[in-house]
Amino acid sequence: MAESLQQLTAAAKNGDAEALCALGLRYETGDSVEMDRSRAASLYREAAEAGHAQSQCNLGHCYYRGIGVKANGEKAVYWFQKAAKQGWARAIGLLGLCYEKGFGVDQDQEEAAYYYRKAHEGGLCPGHLPPGAVL
């Protein structure tokens, strides 16, 4: 059941990490609010700093793509690693992409393959991995 914007906003103001993340996604995509990617990154950061794995991954993705923040490989990897330590499969796959591309880390195809395999084992379907990712 989807929460209303009013409910999400109230829960986010109380520091609810799930609500902060969901509200961040709405601001990132412009779903029922005016798109504000800086606000999205800020909401993700608040939840990420509280240990919310999905928000850590989303914030890492913001740094990877420069969504609402300046692109920064080291910060992207930092947040992907935090989420990956909690088993968040998408973050593990994105770590693989960082190693494949050499974004925020030294380029290393073996490490990339390792993370792609771990992401797949963690439930990330191959369609969510980069084309040609070696499992």
C-alpha atoms as a PDB file:
ATOM      1  CA  MET A   1       0.000   0.000   0.000  1.00  0.00           C
ATOM      2  CA  ALA A   2       1.534   3.282  -1.100  1.00  0.00           C
ATOM      3  CA  GLU A   3       1.746   5.984   1.510  1.00  0.00           C
ATOM      4  CA  SER A   4       0.409   9.428   0.751  1.00  0.00           C
ATOM      5  CA  LEU A   5       2.828  12.275   0.325  1.00  0.00           C
ATOM      6  CA  GLN A   6       1.519  13.812   3.539  1.00  0.00           C
ATOM      7  CA  GLN A   7       2.145  10.582   5.480  1.00  0.00           C
ATOM      8  CA  LEU A   8       5.647  10.202   4.021  1.00  0.00           C
ATOM      9  CA  THR A   9       6.532  13.795   4.810  1.00  0.00           C
ATOM     10  CA  ALA A  10       5.328  13.462   8.407  1.00  0.00           C
ATOM     11  CA  ALA A  11       7.228  10.200   8.919  1.00  0.00           C
ATOM     12  CA  ALA A  12      10.372  11.656   7.298  1.00  0.00           C
ATOM     13  CA  LYS A  13      10.233  14.667   9.632  1.00  0.00           C
ATOM     14  CA  ASN A  14      10.284  12.168  12.507  1.00  0.00           C
ATOM     15  CA  GLY A  15      13.430  10.580  11.083  1.00  0.00           C
ATOM     16  CA  ASP A  16      11.831   7.414   9.671  1.00  0.00           C
ATOM     17  CA  ALA A  17      14.520   6.061   7.326  1.00  0.00           C
ATOM     18  CA  GLU A  18      12.067   4.187   5.077  1.00  0.00           C
ATOM     19  CA  ALA A  19      10.019   7.346   4.660  1.00  0.00           C
ATOM     20  CA  LEU A  20      13.131   9.461   4.013  1.00  0.00           C
ATOM     21  CA  CYS A  21      14.169   7.044   1.278  1.00  0.00           C
ATOM     22  CA  ALA A  22      10.707   6.872  -0.285  1.00  0.00           C
ATOM     23  CA  LEU A  23      10.383  10.651  -0.203  1.00  0.00           C
ATOM     24  CA  GLY A  24      13.868  10.967  -1.703  1.00  0.00           C
ATOM     25  CA  LEU A  25      12.813   8.747  -4.590  1.00  0.00           C
ATOM     26  CA  ARG A  26       9.764  10.913  -5.184  1.00  0.00           C
ATOM     27  CA  TYR A  27      11.924  14.049  -5.340  1.00  0.00           C
ATOM     28  CA  GLU A  28      14.461  12.310  -7.566  1.00  0.00           C
ATOM     29  CA  THR A  29      11.808  11.252 -10.083  1.00  0.00           C
ATOM     30  CA  GLY A  30       9.243  14.030  -9.660  1.00  0.00           C
ATOM     31  CA  ASP A  31       6.541  11.603  -8.497  1.00  0.00           C
ATOM     32  CA  SER A  32       3.737  13.718  -6.969  1.00  0.00           C
ATOM     33  CA  VAL A  33       6.238  16.518  -6.181  1.00  0.00           C
ATOM     34  CA  GLU A  34       8.278  18.951  -8.208  1.00  0.00           C
ATOM     35  CA  MET A  35      11.521  17.209  -9.138  1.00  0.00           C
ATOM     36  CA  ASP A  36      14.340  18.349  -6.861  1.00  0.00           C
ATOM     37  CA  ARG A  37      17.338  16.095  -7.094  1.00  0.00           C
ATOM     38  CA  SER A  38      19.357  18.047  -4.536  1.00  0.00           C
ATOM     39  CA  ARG A  39      16.548  17.501  -2.037  1.00  0.00           C
ATOM     40  CA  ALA A  40      16.465  13.814  -3.006  1.00  0.00           C
ATOM     41  CA  ALA A  41      20.185  13.419  -2.300  1.00  0.00           C
ATOM     42  CA  SER A  42      19.749  15.227   1.016  1.00  0.00           C
ATOM     43  CA  LEU A  43      16.920  12.911   2.059  1.00  0.00           C
ATOM     44  CA  TYR A  44      18.914   9.850   1.012  1.00  0.00           C
ATOM     45  CA  ARG A  45      21.896  11.145   3.001  1.00  0.00           C
ATOM     46  CA  GLU A  46      19.847  11.553   6.177  1.00  0.00           C
ATOM     47  CA  ALA A  47      18.573   7.979   5.946  1.00  0.00           C
ATOM     48  CA  ALA A  48      21.970   6.639   4.784  1.00  0.00           C
ATOM     49  CA  GLU A  49      23.711   8.147   7.793  1.00  0.00           C
ATOM     50  CA  ALA A  50      21.163   6.337   9.972  1.00  0.00           C
ATOM     51  CA  GLY A  51      22.273   3.053   8.386  1.00  0.00           C
ATOM     52  CA  HIS A  52      19.455   2.517   5.859  1.00  0.00           C
ATOM     53  CA  ALA A  53      20.934   0.238   3.153  1.00  0.00           C
ATOM     54  CA  GLN A  54      18.674   1.266   0.269  1.00  0.00           C
ATOM     55  CA  SER A  55      19.346   4.941   0.969  1.00  0.00           C
ATOM     56  CA  GLN A  56      23.081   4.265   1.116  1.00  0.00           C
ATOM     57  CA  CYS A  57      22.842   2.641  -2.293  1.00  0.00           C
ATOM     58  CA  ASN A  58      20.662   5.435  -3.670  1.00  0.00           C
ATOM     59  CA  LEU A  59      23.053   8.085  -2.354  1.00  0.00           C
ATOM     60  CA  GLY A  60      25.970   6.194  -3.884  1.00  0.00           C
ATOM     61  CA  HIS A  61      24.092   6.179  -7.176  1.00  0.00           C
ATOM     62  CA  CYS A  62      23.578   9.936  -6.875  1.00  0.00           C
ATOM     63  CA  TYR A  63      27.345  10.338  -6.544  1.00  0.00           C
ATOM     64  CA  TYR A  64      27.941   7.886  -9.378  1.00  0.00           C
ATOM     65  CA  ARG A  65      25.649   9.742 -11.799  1.00  0.00           C
ATOM     66  CA  GLY A  66      25.892  13.280 -10.414  1.00  0.00           C
ATOM     67  CA  ILE A  67      22.213  13.336  -9.424  1.00  0.00           C
ATOM     68  CA  GLY A  68      21.635  16.294  -7.108  1.00  0.00           C
ATOM     69  CA  VAL A  69      25.313  16.267  -6.133  1.00  0.00           C
ATOM     70  CA  LYS A  70      28.587  16.571  -7.989  1.00  0.00           C
ATOM     71  CA  ALA A  71      29.695  13.184  -9.346  1.00  0.00           C
ATOM     72  CA  ASN A  72      32.352  11.732  -7.052  1.00  0.00           C
ATOM     73  CA  GLY A  73      33.691   8.224  -7.447  1.00  0.00           C
ATOM     74  CA  GLU A  74      35.168   7.916  -3.974  1.00  0.00           C
ATOM     75  CA  LYS A  75      31.897   8.942  -2.329  1.00  0.00           C
ATOM     76  CA  ALA A  76      29.921   6.638  -4.618  1.00  0.00           C
ATOM     77  CA  VAL A  77      32.115   3.680  -3.672  1.00  0.00           C
ATOM     78  CA  TYR A  78      31.954   4.606   0.023  1.00  0.00           C
ATOM     79  CA  TRP A  79      28.149   4.495   0.066  1.00  0.00           C
ATOM     80  CA  PHE A  80      27.935   1.406  -2.149  1.00  0.00           C
ATOM     81  CA  GLN A  81      30.290  -0.391   0.255  1.00  0.00           C
ATOM     82  CA  LYS A  82      28.156   0.590   3.263  1.00  0.00           C
ATOM     83  CA  ALA A  83      25.042  -0.835   1.592  1.00  0.00           C
ATOM     84  CA  ALA A  84      26.904  -3.885   0.278  1.00  0.00           C
ATOM     85  CA  LYS A  85      28.030  -4.767   3.810  1.00  0.00           C
ATOM     86  CA  GLN A  86      24.331  -5.053   4.638  1.00  0.00           C
ATOM     87  CA  GLY A  87      23.791  -7.358   1.650  1.00  0.00           C
ATOM     88  CA  TRP A  88      22.040  -4.833  -0.606  1.00  0.00           C
ATOM     89  CA  ALA A  89      22.396  -6.594  -3.988  1.00  0.00           C
ATOM     90  CA  ARG A  90      22.026  -3.486  -6.164  1.00  0.00           C
ATOM     91  CA  ALA A  91      24.892  -1.789  -4.292  1.00  0.00           C
ATOM     92  CA  ILE A  92      27.046  -4.883  -4.755  1.00  0.00           C
ATOM     93  CA  GLY A  93      26.361  -4.805  -8.492  1.00  0.00           C
ATOM     94  CA  LEU A  94      27.129  -1.098  -8.657  1.00  0.00           C
ATOM     95  CA  LEU A  95      30.420  -1.736  -6.861  1.00  0.00           C
ATOM     96  CA  GLY A  96      31.180  -4.164  -9.676  1.00  0.00           C
ATOM     97  CA  LEU A  97      30.451  -1.415 -12.167  1.00  0.00           C
ATOM     98  CA  CYS A  98      32.807   0.954 -10.316  1.00  0.00           C
ATOM     99  CA  TYR A  99      35.586  -1.637 -10.536  1.00  0.00           C
ATOM    100  CA  GLU A 100      34.811  -2.347 -14.182  1.00  0.00           C
ATOM    101  CA  LYS A 101      34.976   1.343 -15.104  1.00  0.00           C
ATOM    102  CA  GLY A 102      37.634   2.418 -12.609  1.00  0.00           C
ATOM    103  CA  PHE A 103      35.283   4.955 -11.037  1.00  0.00           C
ATOM    104  CA  GLY A 104      36.389   5.787  -7.494  1.00  0.00           C
ATOM    105  CA  VAL A 105      38.647   2.721  -7.393  1.00  0.00           C
ATOM    106  CA  ASP A 106      41.433   1.312  -9.527  1.00  0.00           C
ATOM    107  CA  GLN A 107      40.022  -0.472 -12.541  1.00  0.00           C
ATOM    108  CA  ASP A 108      40.029  -4.210 -11.848  1.00  0.00           C
ATOM    109  CA  GLN A 109      38.055  -6.639 -14.012  1.00  0.00           C
ATOM    110  CA  GLU A 110      38.509  -9.525 -11.559  1.00  0.00           C
ATOM    111  CA  GLU A 111      37.028  -7.459  -8.719  1.00  0.00           C
ATOM    112  CA  ALA A 112      34.218  -6.361 -11.038  1.00  0.00           C
ATOM    113  CA  ALA A 113      33.403  -9.990 -11.848  1.00  0.00           C
ATOM    114  CA  TYR A 114      33.540 -10.888  -8.147  1.00  0.00           C
ATOM    115  CA  TYR A 115      31.001  -8.198  -7.262  1.00  0.00           C
ATOM    116  CA  TYR A 116      28.769  -9.034 -10.222  1.00  0.00           C
ATOM    117  CA  ARG A 117      28.676 -12.679  -9.087  1.00  0.00           C
ATOM    118  CA  LYS A 118      27.926 -11.656  -5.484  1.00  0.00           C
ATOM    119  CA  ALA A 119      25.145  -9.346  -6.673  1.00  0.00           C
ATOM    120  CA  HIS A 120      23.627 -12.152  -8.727  1.00  0.00           C
ATOM    121  CA  GLU A 121      23.926 -14.566  -5.787  1.00  0.00           C
ATOM    122  CA  GLY A 122      22.250 -11.908  -3.626  1.00  0.00           C
ATOM    123  CA  GLY A 123      19.220 -11.839  -5.890  1.00  0.00           C
ATOM    124  CA  LEU A 124      20.017  -9.146  -8.461  1.00  0.00           C
ATOM    125  CA  CYS A 125      18.837 -10.516 -11.775  1.00  0.00           C
ATOM    126  CA  PRO A 126      21.316 -10.418 -14.672  1.00  0.00           C
ATOM    127  CA  GLY A 127      19.120  -7.880 -16.482  1.00  0.00           C
ATOM    128  CA  HIS A 128      20.053  -5.336 -13.799  1.00  0.00           C
ATOM    129  CA  LEU A 129      23.766  -5.825 -14.387  1.00  0.00           C
ATOM    130  CA  PRO A 130      25.693  -4.048 -17.139  1.00  0.00           C
ATOM    131  CA  PRO A 131      25.613  -5.767 -20.550  1.00  0.00           C
ATOM    132  CA  GLY A 132      28.456  -8.254 -20.765  1.00  0.00           C
ATOM    133  CA  ALA A 133      28.925  -8.531 -16.981  1.00  0.00           C
ATOM    134  CA  VAL A 134      30.780 -11.744 -16.298  1.00  0.00           C
ATOM    135  CA  LEU A 135      28.992 -13.897 -13.754  1.00  0.00           C
END
